[in-house]
PDB file of N, CA and C in Angstrom:
ATOM      1  N   MET A   1     -54.762  36.774 -75.186  1.00  0.00           N
ATOM      2  CA  MET A   1     -55.342  36.616 -73.856  1.00  0.00           C
ATOM      3  C   MET A   1     -54.244  36.759 -72.804  1.00  0.00           C
ATOM      4  N   THR A   2     -54.643  37.166 -71.630  1.00  0.00           N
ATOM      5  CA  THR A   2     -53.729  37.323 -70.507  1.00  0.00           C
ATOM      6  C   THR A   2     -54.455  36.886 -69.234  1.00  0.00           C
ATOM      7  N   TYR A   3     -53.757  36.887 -68.147  1.00  0.00           N
ATOM      8  CA  TYR A   3     -54.361  36.579 -66.860  1.00  0.00           C
ATOM      9  C   TYR A   3     -54.506  37.861 -66.061  1.00  0.00           C
ATOM     10  N   VAL A   4     -55.458  37.857 -65.133  1.00  0.00           N
ATOM     11  CA  VAL A   4     -55.814  39.041 -64.356  1.00  0.00           C
ATOM     12  C   VAL A   4     -55.903  38.652 -62.882  1.00  0.00           C
ATOM     13  N   VAL A   5     -55.386  39.522 -62.019  1.00  0.00           N
ATOM     14  CA  VAL A   5     -55.496  39.319 -60.576  1.00  0.00           C
ATOM     15  C   VAL A   5     -56.754  40.034 -60.095  1.00  0.00           C
ATOM     16  N   LEU A   6     -57.572  39.311 -59.345  1.00  0.00           N
ATOM     17  CA  LEU A   6     -58.839  39.839 -58.835  1.00  0.00           C
ATOM     18  C   LEU A   6     -58.716  40.320 -57.389  1.00  0.00           C
ATOM     19  N   GLU A   7     -59.828  40.811 -56.862  1.00  0.00           N
ATOM     20  CA  GLU A   7     -59.846  41.338 -55.492  1.00  0.00           C
ATOM     21  C   GLU A   7     -59.527  40.286 -54.431  1.00  0.00           C
ATOM     22  N   ASN A   8     -59.632  39.012 -54.749  1.00  0.00           N
ATOM     23  CA  ASN A   8     -59.304  37.961 -53.774  1.00  0.00           C
ATOM     24  C   ASN A   8     -57.877  38.120 -53.253  1.00  0.00           C
ATOM     25  N   CYS A   9     -57.015  38.743 -54.046  1.00  0.00           N
ATOM     26  CA  CYS A   9     -55.613  38.941 -53.654  1.00  0.00           C
ATOM     27  C   CYS A   9     -55.463  40.026 -52.582  1.00  0.00           C
ATOM     28  N   ILE A  10     -56.396  40.955 -52.532  1.00  0.00           N
ATOM     29  CA  ILE A  10     -56.275  42.082 -51.605  1.00  0.00           C
ATOM     30  C   ILE A  10     -56.180  41.576 -50.166  1.00  0.00           C
ATOM     31  N   LYS A  11     -55.131  42.030 -49.506  1.00  0.00           N
ATOM     32  CA  LYS A  11     -54.821  41.712 -48.107  1.00  0.00           C
ATOM     33  C   LYS A  11     -54.393  40.258 -47.894  1.00  0.00           C
ATOM     34  N   CYS A  12     -54.290  39.476 -48.963  1.00  0.00           N
ATOM     35  CA  CYS A  12     -53.756  38.114 -48.859  1.00  0.00           C
ATOM     36  C   CYS A  12     -52.317  38.124 -49.388  1.00  0.00           C
ATOM     37  N   LYS A  13     -52.189  38.459 -50.670  1.00  0.00           N
ATOM     38  CA  LYS A  13     -50.886  38.645 -51.309  1.00  0.00           C
ATOM     39  C   LYS A  13     -49.908  37.522 -50.954  1.00  0.00           C
ATOM     40  N   TYR A  14     -50.318  36.284 -51.248  1.00  0.00           N
ATOM     41  CA  TYR A  14     -49.477  35.125 -50.923  1.00  0.00           C
ATOM     42  C   TYR A  14     -48.201  35.054 -51.747  1.00  0.00           C
ATOM     43  N   MET A  15     -48.245  35.451 -52.992  1.00  0.00           N
ATOM     44  CA  MET A  15     -47.090  35.532 -53.883  1.00  0.00           C
ATOM     45  C   MET A  15     -46.573  34.197 -54.400  1.00  0.00           C
ATOM     46  N   ASP A  16     -47.307  33.101 -54.224  1.00  0.00           N
ATOM     47  CA  ASP A  16     -46.891  31.819 -54.776  1.00  0.00           C
ATOM     48  C   ASP A  16     -46.784  31.910 -56.300  1.00  0.00           C
ATOM     49  N   CYS A  17     -47.636  32.718 -56.893  1.00  0.00           N
ATOM     50  CA  CYS A  17     -47.681  32.901 -58.343  1.00  0.00           C
ATOM     51  C   CYS A  17     -46.377  33.476 -58.892  1.00  0.00           C
ATOM     52  N   VAL A  18     -45.746  34.336 -58.130  1.00  0.00           N
ATOM     53  CA  VAL A  18     -44.522  35.001 -58.562  1.00  0.00           C
ATOM     54  C   VAL A  18     -43.415  33.983 -58.813  1.00  0.00           C
ATOM     55  N   GLU A  19     -43.344  32.989 -57.971  1.00  0.00           N
ATOM     56  CA  GLU A  19     -42.299  31.968 -58.061  1.00  0.00           C
ATOM     57  C   GLU A  19     -42.340  31.177 -59.363  1.00  0.00           C
ATOM     58  N   VAL A  20     -43.523  30.981 -59.930  1.00  0.00           N
ATOM     59  CA  VAL A  20     -43.657  30.120 -61.109  1.00  0.00           C
ATOM     60  C   VAL A  20     -43.723  30.888 -62.426  1.00  0.00           C
ATOM     61  N   CYS A  21     -43.852  32.182 -62.379  1.00  0.00           N
ATOM     62  CA  CYS A  21     -44.010  32.973 -63.601  1.00  0.00           C
ATOM     63  C   CYS A  21     -42.707  32.987 -64.410  1.00  0.00           C
ATOM     64  N   PRO A  22     -42.736  32.460 -65.640  1.00  0.00           N
ATOM     65  CA  PRO A  22     -41.508  32.411 -66.434  1.00  0.00           C
ATOM     66  C   PRO A  22     -41.096  33.748 -67.041  1.00  0.00           C
ATOM     67  N   VAL A  23     -41.977  34.744 -67.029  1.00  0.00           N
ATOM     68  CA  VAL A  23     -41.649  36.030 -67.643  1.00  0.00           C
ATOM     69  C   VAL A  23     -41.666  37.204 -66.659  1.00  0.00           C
ATOM     70  N   ASP A  24     -41.799  36.916 -65.370  1.00  0.00           N
ATOM     71  CA  ASP A  24     -41.752  37.954 -64.332  1.00  0.00           C
ATOM     72  C   ASP A  24     -42.691  39.123 -64.624  1.00  0.00           C
ATOM     73  N   CYS A  25     -43.978  38.810 -64.852  1.00  0.00           N
ATOM     74  CA  CYS A  25     -44.936  39.855 -65.215  1.00  0.00           C
ATOM     75  C   CYS A  25     -45.794  40.322 -64.038  1.00  0.00           C
ATOM     76  N   PHE A  26     -45.377  40.007 -62.807  1.00  0.00           N
ATOM     77  CA  PHE A  26     -46.125  40.448 -61.626  1.00  0.00           C
ATOM     78  C   PHE A  26     -45.528  41.739 -61.066  1.00  0.00           C
ATOM     79  N   TYR A  27     -46.430  42.581 -60.577  1.00  0.00           N
ATOM     80  CA  TYR A  27     -46.050  43.860 -59.981  1.00  0.00           C
ATOM     81  C   TYR A  27     -46.719  43.946 -58.621  1.00  0.00           C
ATOM     82  N   VAL A  28     -46.015  44.565 -57.673  1.00  0.00           N
ATOM     83  CA  VAL A  28     -46.457  44.505 -56.282  1.00  0.00           C
ATOM     84  C   VAL A  28     -46.924  45.853 -55.738  1.00  0.00           C
ATOM     85  N   GLY A  29     -48.128  45.802 -55.170  1.00  0.00           N
ATOM     86  CA  GLY A  29     -48.671  46.952 -54.473  1.00  0.00           C
ATOM     87  C   GLY A  29     -48.613  46.707 -52.979  1.00  0.00           C
ATOM     88  N   GLU A  30     -49.055  47.666 -52.230  1.00  0.00           N
ATOM     89  CA  GLU A  30     -49.031  47.557 -50.773  1.00  0.00           C
ATOM     90  C   GLU A  30     -49.798  46.334 -50.278  1.00  0.00           C
ATOM     91  N   ASN A  31     -50.963  46.042 -50.900  1.00  0.00           N
ATOM     92  CA  ASN A  31     -51.746  44.913 -50.398  1.00  0.00           C
ATOM     93  C   ASN A  31     -52.310  44.006 -51.500  1.00  0.00           C
ATOM     94  N   MET A  32     -51.695  44.065 -52.690  1.00  0.00           N
ATOM     95  CA  MET A  32     -52.173  43.252 -53.808  1.00  0.00           C
ATOM     96  C   MET A  32     -51.089  43.150 -54.872  1.00  0.00           C
ATOM     97  N   LEU A  33     -51.161  42.106 -55.671  1.00  0.00           N
ATOM     98  CA  LEU A  33     -50.309  41.967 -56.845  1.00  0.00           C
ATOM     99  C   LEU A  33     -51.158  42.210 -58.087  1.00  0.00           C
ATOM    100  N   VAL A  34     -50.514  42.584 -59.190  1.00  0.00           N
ATOM    101  CA  VAL A  34     -51.186  42.679 -60.482  1.00  0.00           C
ATOM    102  C   VAL A  34     -50.291  42.051 -61.547  1.00  0.00           C
ATOM    103  N   ILE A  35     -50.901  41.726 -62.671  1.00  0.00           N
ATOM    104  CA  ILE A  35     -50.185  41.154 -63.812  1.00  0.00           C
ATOM    105  C   ILE A  35     -50.158  42.187 -64.929  1.00  0.00           C
ATOM    106  N   HIS A  36     -48.984  42.379 -65.526  1.00  0.00           N
ATOM    107  CA  HIS A  36     -48.875  43.287 -66.660  1.00  0.00           C
ATOM    108  C   HIS A  36     -49.378  42.553 -67.901  1.00  0.00           C
ATOM    109  N   PRO A  37     -50.486  43.021 -68.493  1.00  0.00           N
ATOM    110  CA  PRO A  37     -51.090  42.288 -69.601  1.00  0.00           C
ATOM    111  C   PRO A  37     -50.233  42.225 -70.860  1.00  0.00           C
ATOM    112  N   ASP A  38     -49.320  43.169 -71.046  1.00  0.00           N
ATOM    113  CA  ASP A  38     -48.463  43.148 -72.226  1.00  0.00           C
ATOM    114  C   ASP A  38     -47.254  42.235 -72.042  1.00  0.00           C
ATOM    115  N   GLU A  39     -47.011  41.800 -70.822  1.00  0.00           N
ATOM    116  CA  GLU A  39     -45.880  40.914 -70.544  1.00  0.00           C
ATOM    117  C   GLU A  39     -46.309  39.468 -70.330  1.00  0.00           C
ATOM    118  N   CYS A  40     -47.544  39.267 -69.919  1.00  0.00           N
ATOM    119  CA  CYS A  40     -48.064  37.922 -69.659  1.00  0.00           C
ATOM    120  C   CYS A  40     -48.108  37.138 -70.978  1.00  0.00           C
ATOM    121  N   ILE A  41     -47.607  35.903 -70.950  1.00  0.00           N
ATOM    122  CA  ILE A  41     -47.587  35.072 -72.160  1.00  0.00           C
ATOM    123  C   ILE A  41     -48.710  34.039 -72.154  1.00  0.00           C
ATOM    124  N   ASP A  42     -49.641  34.172 -71.231  1.00  0.00           N
ATOM    125  CA  ASP A  42     -50.811  33.302 -71.188  1.00  0.00           C
ATOM    126  C   ASP A  42     -50.459  31.835 -70.992  1.00  0.00           C
ATOM    127  N   CYS A  43     -49.433  31.580 -70.217  1.00  0.00           N
ATOM    128  CA  CYS A  43     -49.045  30.180 -69.990  1.00  0.00           C
ATOM    129  C   CYS A  43     -49.943  29.509 -68.953  1.00  0.00           C
ATOM    130  N   GLY A  44     -50.507  30.304 -68.043  1.00  0.00           N
ATOM    131  CA  GLY A  44     -51.446  29.785 -67.061  1.00  0.00           C
ATOM    132  C   GLY A  44     -50.844  29.097 -65.853  1.00  0.00           C
ATOM    133  N   VAL A  45     -49.530  29.075 -65.704  1.00  0.00           N
ATOM    134  CA  VAL A  45     -48.945  28.371 -64.557  1.00  0.00           C
ATOM    135  C   VAL A  45     -49.218  29.069 -63.230  1.00  0.00           C
ATOM    136  N   CYS A  46     -49.517  30.353 -63.258  1.00  0.00           N
ATOM    137  CA  CYS A  46     -49.774  31.093 -62.021  1.00  0.00           C
ATOM    138  C   CYS A  46     -51.140  30.779 -61.423  1.00  0.00           C
ATOM    139  N   GLU A  47     -52.116  30.534 -62.263  1.00  0.00           N
ATOM    140  CA  GLU A  47     -53.501  30.372 -61.798  1.00  0.00           C
ATOM    141  C   GLU A  47     -53.655  29.289 -60.729  1.00  0.00           C
ATOM    142  N   PRO A  48     -53.163  28.068 -60.951  1.00  0.00           N
ATOM    143  CA  PRO A  48     -53.356  27.037 -59.927  1.00  0.00           C
ATOM    144  C   PRO A  48     -52.490  27.221 -58.678  1.00  0.00           C
ATOM    145  N   GLU A  49     -51.490  28.085 -58.757  1.00  0.00           N
ATOM    146  CA  GLU A  49     -50.596  28.305 -57.613  1.00  0.00           C
ATOM    147  C   GLU A  49     -51.175  29.249 -56.573  1.00  0.00           C
ATOM    148  N   CYS A  50     -52.201  29.996 -56.931  1.00  0.00           N
ATOM    149  CA  CYS A  50     -52.751  31.009 -56.026  1.00  0.00           C
ATOM    150  C   CYS A  50     -53.692  30.382 -55.006  1.00  0.00           C
ATOM    151  N   PRO A  51     -53.317  30.397 -53.725  1.00  0.00           N
ATOM    152  CA  PRO A  51     -54.177  29.827 -52.685  1.00  0.00           C
ATOM    153  C   PRO A  51     -55.502  30.578 -52.517  1.00  0.00           C
ATOM    154  N   ALA A  52     -55.530  31.848 -52.917  1.00  0.00           N
ATOM    155  CA  ALA A  52     -56.742  32.657 -52.767  1.00  0.00           C
ATOM    156  C   ALA A  52     -57.632  32.603 -54.015  1.00  0.00           C
ATOM    157  N   GLU A  53     -57.213  31.844 -55.013  1.00  0.00           N
ATOM    158  CA  GLU A  53     -57.951  31.746 -56.281  1.00  0.00           C
ATOM    159  C   GLU A  53     -58.235  33.133 -56.855  1.00  0.00           C
ATOM    160  N   ALA A  54     -57.205  33.960 -56.850  1.00  0.00           N
ATOM    161  CA  ALA A  54     -57.336  35.351 -57.269  1.00  0.00           C
ATOM    162  C   ALA A  54     -56.914  35.597 -58.713  1.00  0.00           C
ATOM    163  N   ILE A  55     -56.481  34.577 -59.428  1.00  0.00           N
ATOM    164  CA  ILE A  55     -55.998  34.755 -60.798  1.00  0.00           C
ATOM    165  C   ILE A  55     -56.915  34.012 -61.761  1.00  0.00           C
ATOM    166  N   VAL A  56     -57.375  34.748 -62.777  1.00  0.00           N
ATOM    167  CA  VAL A  56     -58.266  34.165 -63.789  1.00  0.00           C
ATOM    168  C   VAL A  56     -57.845  34.666 -65.172  1.00  0.00           C
ATOM    169  N   PRO A  57     -58.221  33.930 -66.226  1.00  0.00           N
ATOM    170  CA  PRO A  57     -57.966  34.438 -67.577  1.00  0.00           C
ATOM    171  C   PRO A  57     -58.840  35.662 -67.844  1.00  0.00           C
ATOM    172  N   ASP A  58     -58.382  36.536 -68.715  1.00  0.00           N
ATOM    173  CA  ASP A  58     -59.164  37.749 -68.980  1.00  0.00           C
ATOM    174  C   ASP A  58     -60.486  37.462 -69.679  1.00  0.00           C
ATOM    175  N   SER A  59     -60.683  36.235 -70.127  1.00  0.00           N
ATOM    176  CA  SER A  59     -61.961  35.850 -70.728  1.00  0.00           C
ATOM    177  C   SER A  59     -63.027  35.529 -69.676  1.00  0.00           C
ATOM    178  N   ASP A  60     -62.618  35.402 -68.423  1.00  0.00           N
ATOM    179  CA  ASP A  60     -63.537  35.149 -67.316  1.00  0.00           C
ATOM    180  C   ASP A  60     -64.334  36.427 -67.037  1.00  0.00           C
ATOM    181  N   ASP A  61     -65.623  36.304 -66.844  1.00  0.00           N
ATOM    182  CA  ASP A  61     -66.473  37.476 -66.590  1.00  0.00           C
ATOM    183  C   ASP A  61     -66.005  38.296 -65.386  1.00  0.00           C
ATOM    184  N   ARG A  62     -65.417  37.638 -64.395  1.00  0.00           N
ATOM    185  CA  ARG A  62     -64.954  38.353 -63.198  1.00  0.00           C
ATOM    186  C   ARG A  62     -63.758  39.252 -63.491  1.00  0.00           C
ATOM    187  N   ALA A  63     -63.072  39.017 -64.603  1.00  0.00           N
ATOM    188  CA  ALA A  63     -61.865  39.778 -64.934  1.00  0.00           C
ATOM    189  C   ALA A  63     -62.158  41.172 -65.470  1.00  0.00           C
ATOM    190  N   VAL A  64     -63.355  41.397 -65.954  1.00  0.00           N
ATOM    191  CA  VAL A  64     -63.684  42.670 -66.606  1.00  0.00           C
ATOM    192  C   VAL A  64     -63.320  43.875 -65.732  1.00  0.00           C
ATOM    193  N   GLU A  65     -63.780  43.872 -64.503  1.00  0.00           N
ATOM    194  CA  GLU A  65     -63.537  45.006 -63.611  1.00  0.00           C
ATOM    195  C   GLU A  65     -62.059  45.174 -63.262  1.00  0.00           C
ATOM    196  N   TYR A  66     -61.307  44.100 -63.235  1.00  0.00           N
ATOM    197  CA  TYR A  66     -59.923  44.154 -62.759  1.00  0.00           C
ATOM    198  C   TYR A  66     -58.873  44.219 -63.858  1.00  0.00           C
ATOM    199  N   ALA A  67     -59.244  44.011 -65.112  1.00  0.00           N
ATOM    200  CA  ALA A  67     -58.275  44.049 -66.212  1.00  0.00           C
ATOM    201  C   ALA A  67     -57.608  45.425 -66.303  1.00  0.00           C
ATOM    202  N   GLU A  68     -58.393  46.476 -66.239  1.00  0.00           N
ATOM    203  CA  GLU A  68     -57.827  47.823 -66.332  1.00  0.00           C
ATOM    204  C   GLU A  68     -57.024  48.173 -65.084  1.00  0.00           C
ATOM    205  N   LEU A  69     -57.473  47.730 -63.924  1.00  0.00           N
ATOM    206  CA  LEU A  69     -56.722  47.958 -62.688  1.00  0.00           C
ATOM    207  C   LEU A  69     -55.350  47.293 -62.794  1.00  0.00           C
ATOM    208  N   ASN A  70     -55.298  46.062 -63.310  1.00  0.00           N
ATOM    209  CA  ASN A  70     -54.021  45.373 -63.485  1.00  0.00           C
ATOM    210  C   ASN A  70     -53.112  46.160 -64.431  1.00  0.00           C
ATOM    211  N   ARG A  71     -53.662  46.598 -65.560  1.00  0.00           N
ATOM    212  CA  ARG A  71     -52.864  47.351 -66.536  1.00  0.00           C
ATOM    213  C   ARG A  71     -52.325  48.653 -65.922  1.00  0.00           C
ATOM    214  N   THR A  72     -53.182  49.381 -65.260  1.00  0.00           N
ATOM    215  CA  THR A  72     -52.795  50.672 -64.687  1.00  0.00           C
ATOM    216  C   THR A  72     -51.676  50.526 -63.658  1.00  0.00           C
ATOM    217  N   TYR A  73     -51.874  49.638 -62.699  1.00  0.00           N
ATOM    218  CA  TYR A  73     -50.899  49.552 -61.608  1.00  0.00           C
ATOM    219  C   TYR A  73     -49.643  48.771 -61.979  1.00  0.00           C
ATOM    220  N   ALA A  74     -49.712  47.930 -63.003  1.00  0.00           N
ATOM    221  CA  ALA A  74     -48.487  47.278 -63.484  1.00  0.00           C
ATOM    222  C   ALA A  74     -47.530  48.315 -64.055  1.00  0.00           C
ATOM    223  N   GLY A  75     -48.075  49.430 -64.505  1.00  0.00           N
ATOM    224  CA  GLY A  75     -47.245  50.512 -65.010  1.00  0.00           C
ATOM    225  C   GLY A  75     -46.733  51.452 -63.934  1.00  0.00           C
ATOM    226  N   GLN A  76     -47.206  51.288 -62.709  1.00  0.00           N
ATOM    227  CA  GLN A  76     -46.827  52.199 -61.625  1.00  0.00           C
ATOM    228  C   GLN A  76     -46.067  51.519 -60.495  1.00  0.00           C
ATOM    229  N   TRP A  77     -46.348  50.250 -60.264  1.00  0.00           N
ATOM    230  CA  TRP A  77     -45.746  49.535 -59.139  1.00  0.00           C
ATOM    231  C   TRP A  77     -44.461  48.832 -59.566  1.00  0.00           C
ATOM    232  N   PRO A  78     -43.600  48.482 -58.583  1.00  0.00           N
ATOM    233  CA  PRO A  78     -42.363  47.778 -58.919  1.00  0.00           C
ATOM    234  C   PRO A  78     -42.614  46.315 -59.303  1.00  0.00           C
ATOM    235  N   ASN A  79     -41.765  45.829 -60.169  1.00  0.00           N
ATOM    236  CA  ASN A  79     -41.807  44.428 -60.584  1.00  0.00           C
ATOM    237  C   ASN A  79     -41.357  43.551 -59.424  1.00  0.00           C
ATOM    238  N   ILE A  80     -41.984  42.391 -59.292  1.00  0.00           N
ATOM    239  CA  ILE A  80     -41.601  41.443 -58.251  1.00  0.00           C
ATOM    240  C   ILE A  80     -41.251  40.116 -58.925  1.00  0.00           C
ATOM    241  N   THR A  81     -40.090  39.576 -58.573  1.00  0.00           N
ATOM    242  CA  THR A  81     -39.616  38.352 -59.222  1.00  0.00           C
ATOM    243  C   THR A  81     -39.399  37.198 -58.249  1.00  0.00           C
ATOM    244  N   ARG A  82     -39.516  37.480 -56.975  1.00  0.00           N
ATOM    245  CA  ARG A  82     -39.347  36.433 -55.958  1.00  0.00           C
ATOM    246  C   ARG A  82     -40.457  36.528 -54.925  1.00  0.00           C
ATOM    247  N   LYS A  83     -40.850  35.365 -54.443  1.00  0.00           N
ATOM    248  CA  LYS A  83     -41.889  35.313 -53.422  1.00  0.00           C
ATOM    249  C   LYS A  83     -41.374  35.938 -52.131  1.00  0.00           C
ATOM    250  N   GLY A  84     -42.170  36.802 -51.558  1.00  0.00           N
ATOM    251  CA  GLY A  84     -41.841  37.404 -50.276  1.00  0.00           C
ATOM    252  C   GLY A  84     -42.723  36.801 -49.197  1.00  0.00           C
ATOM    253  N   GLU A  85     -42.719  37.423 -48.051  1.00  0.00           N
ATOM    254  CA  GLU A  85     -43.559  36.976 -46.942  1.00  0.00           C
ATOM    255  C   GLU A  85     -44.960  37.557 -47.103  1.00  0.00           C
ATOM    256  N   PRO A  86     -45.973  36.716 -47.085  1.00  0.00           N
ATOM    257  CA  PRO A  86     -47.335  37.258 -47.146  1.00  0.00           C
ATOM    258  C   PRO A  86     -47.659  37.983 -45.834  1.00  0.00           C
ATOM    259  N   PRO A  87     -48.677  38.807 -45.839  1.00  0.00           N
ATOM    260  CA  PRO A  87     -49.066  39.486 -44.598  1.00  0.00           C
ATOM    261  C   PRO A  87     -49.365  38.460 -43.497  1.00  0.00           C
ATOM    262  N   ALA A  88     -49.082  38.822 -42.271  1.00  0.00           N
ATOM    263  CA  ALA A  88     -49.281  37.912 -41.137  1.00  0.00           C
ATOM    264  C   ALA A  88     -50.727  37.449 -41.017  1.00  0.00           C
ATOM    265  N   ASP A  89     -51.663  38.293 -41.431  1.00  0.00           N
ATOM    266  CA  ASP A  89     -53.079  37.943 -41.318  1.00  0.00           C
ATOM    267  C   ASP A  89     -53.693  37.497 -42.651  1.00  0.00           C
ATOM    268  N   ALA A  90     -52.871  37.074 -43.590  1.00  0.00           N
ATOM    269  CA  ALA A  90     -53.343  36.670 -44.923  1.00  0.00           C
ATOM    270  C   ALA A  90     -54.405  35.579 -44.856  1.00  0.00           C
ATOM    271  N   ASP A  91     -54.198  34.588 -44.027  1.00  0.00           N
ATOM    272  CA  ASP A  91     -55.163  33.488 -43.942  1.00  0.00           C
ATOM    273  C   ASP A  91     -56.530  33.961 -43.446  1.00  0.00           C
ATOM    274  N   GLU A  92     -56.537  34.966 -42.605  1.00  0.00           N
ATOM    275  CA  GLU A  92     -57.807  35.515 -42.100  1.00  0.00           C
ATOM    276  C   GLU A  92     -58.586  36.232 -43.202  1.00  0.00           C
ATOM    277  N   TRP A  93     -57.871  36.789 -44.179  1.00  0.00           N
ATOM    278  CA  TRP A  93     -58.501  37.541 -45.260  1.00  0.00           C
ATOM    279  C   TRP A  93     -58.795  36.685 -46.488  1.00  0.00           C
ATOM    280  N   LYS A  94     -58.234  35.503 -46.554  1.00  0.00           N
ATOM    281  CA  LYS A  94     -58.261  34.678 -47.765  1.00  0.00           C
ATOM    282  C   LYS A  94     -59.628  34.527 -48.417  1.00  0.00           C
ATOM    283  N   ASP A  95     -60.632  34.157 -47.715  1.00  0.00           N
ATOM    284  CA  ASP A  95     -61.929  33.865 -48.315  1.00  0.00           C
ATOM    285  C   ASP A  95     -62.985  34.939 -48.068  1.00  0.00           C
ATOM    286  N   LYS A  96     -62.559  36.105 -47.628  1.00  0.00           N
ATOM    287  CA  LYS A  96     -63.530  37.177 -47.358  1.00  0.00           C
ATOM    288  C   LYS A  96     -63.925  37.866 -48.663  1.00  0.00           C
ATOM    289  N   PRO A  97     -65.207  38.018 -48.891  1.00  0.00           N
ATOM    290  CA  PRO A  97     -65.672  38.724 -50.090  1.00  0.00           C
ATOM    291  C   PRO A  97     -65.672  40.235 -49.878  1.00  0.00           C
ATOM    292  N   GLY A  98     -65.850  40.977 -50.952  1.00  0.00           N
ATOM    293  CA  GLY A  98     -66.020  42.427 -50.851  1.00  0.00           C
ATOM    294  C   GLY A  98     -64.800  43.175 -50.380  1.00  0.00           C
ATOM    295  N   LYS A  99     -63.617  42.775 -50.804  1.00  0.00           N
ATOM    296  CA  LYS A  99     -62.392  43.443 -50.352  1.00  0.00           C
ATOM    297  C   LYS A  99     -61.990  44.618 -51.239  1.00  0.00           C
ATOM    298  N   ARG A 100     -62.714  44.877 -52.298  1.00  0.00           N
ATOM    299  CA  ARG A 100     -62.340  45.928 -53.259  1.00  0.00           C
ATOM    300  C   ARG A 100     -62.129  47.272 -52.570  1.00  0.00           C
ATOM    301  N   GLU A 101     -62.959  47.597 -51.597  1.00  0.00           N
ATOM    302  CA  GLU A 101     -62.840  48.889 -50.908  1.00  0.00           C
ATOM    303  C   GLU A 101     -61.557  48.995 -50.075  1.00  0.00           C
ATOM    304  N   LEU A 102     -60.891  47.878 -49.841  1.00  0.00           N
ATOM    305  CA  LEU A 102     -59.649  47.867 -49.066  1.00  0.00           C
ATOM    306  C   LEU A 102     -58.408  48.012 -49.947  1.00  0.00           C
ATOM    307  N   PHE A 103     -58.601  48.052 -51.272  1.00  0.00           N
ATOM    308  CA  PHE A 103     -57.491  48.173 -52.209  1.00  0.00           C
ATOM    309  C   PHE A 103     -56.668  49.424 -51.926  1.00  0.00           C
ATOM    310  N   SER A 104     -55.358  49.260 -51.938  1.00  0.00           N
ATOM    311  CA  SER A 104     -54.452  50.391 -51.769  1.00  0.00           C
ATOM    312  C   SER A 104     -53.697  50.623 -53.081  1.00  0.00           C
ATOM    313  N   ALA A 105     -53.664  51.854 -53.541  1.00  0.00           N
ATOM    314  CA  ALA A 105     -52.947  52.199 -54.758  1.00  0.00           C
ATOM    315  C   ALA A 105     -51.455  52.428 -54.508  1.00  0.00           C
ATOM    316  N   GLU A 106     -51.041  52.328 -53.255  1.00  0.00           N
ATOM    317  CA  GLU A 106     -49.632  52.539 -52.914  1.00  0.00           C
ATOM    318  C   GLU A 106     -48.783  51.383 -53.415  1.00  0.00           C
ATOM    319  N   PRO A 107     -47.567  51.655 -53.885  1.00  0.00           N
ATOM    320  CA  PRO A 107     -46.681  50.583 -54.323  1.00  0.00           C
ATOM    321  C   PRO A 107     -46.205  49.746 -53.138  1.00  0.00           C
ATOM    322  N   GLY A 108     -45.869  48.513 -53.427  1.00  0.00           N
ATOM    323  CA  GLY A 108     -45.336  47.629 -52.406  1.00  0.00           C
ATOM    324  C   GLY A 108     -43.827  47.541 -52.522  1.00  0.00           C
ATOM    325  N   THR A 109     -43.252  46.657 -51.741  1.00  0.00           N
ATOM    326  CA  THR A 109     -41.814  46.442 -51.759  1.00  0.00           C
ATOM    327  C   THR A 109     -41.528  45.064 -52.352  1.00  0.00           C
ATOM    328  N   PRO A 110     -40.738  45.030 -53.428  1.00  0.00           N
ATOM    329  CA  PRO A 110     -40.436  43.722 -54.042  1.00  0.00           C
ATOM    330  C   PRO A 110     -39.537  42.872 -53.160  1.00  0.00           C
TER     331      PRO A 110
END
């Protein structure tokens, strides 16, 4: 089992999860983070750290759509090992539903 980042992260990208990950399995896109499923050790410490509640185990029904997205972009985006500054408007986007259409495939800056 692994953990998966959902659409709740899009345009929020708080990065609190990055700070606690013992294996540095987060990868950064322009407006979202993803978890590399082959690197995640299923420790679960990232899940409660996410203010946007964007991280779930892959056994969660909501993870189905995002598991492949996480795998794909973890192989394309740079690894992130330290918390950066979230977007200035992150709090405004935090609880908004339907953000999938705002997803950017562009890599972010670690």
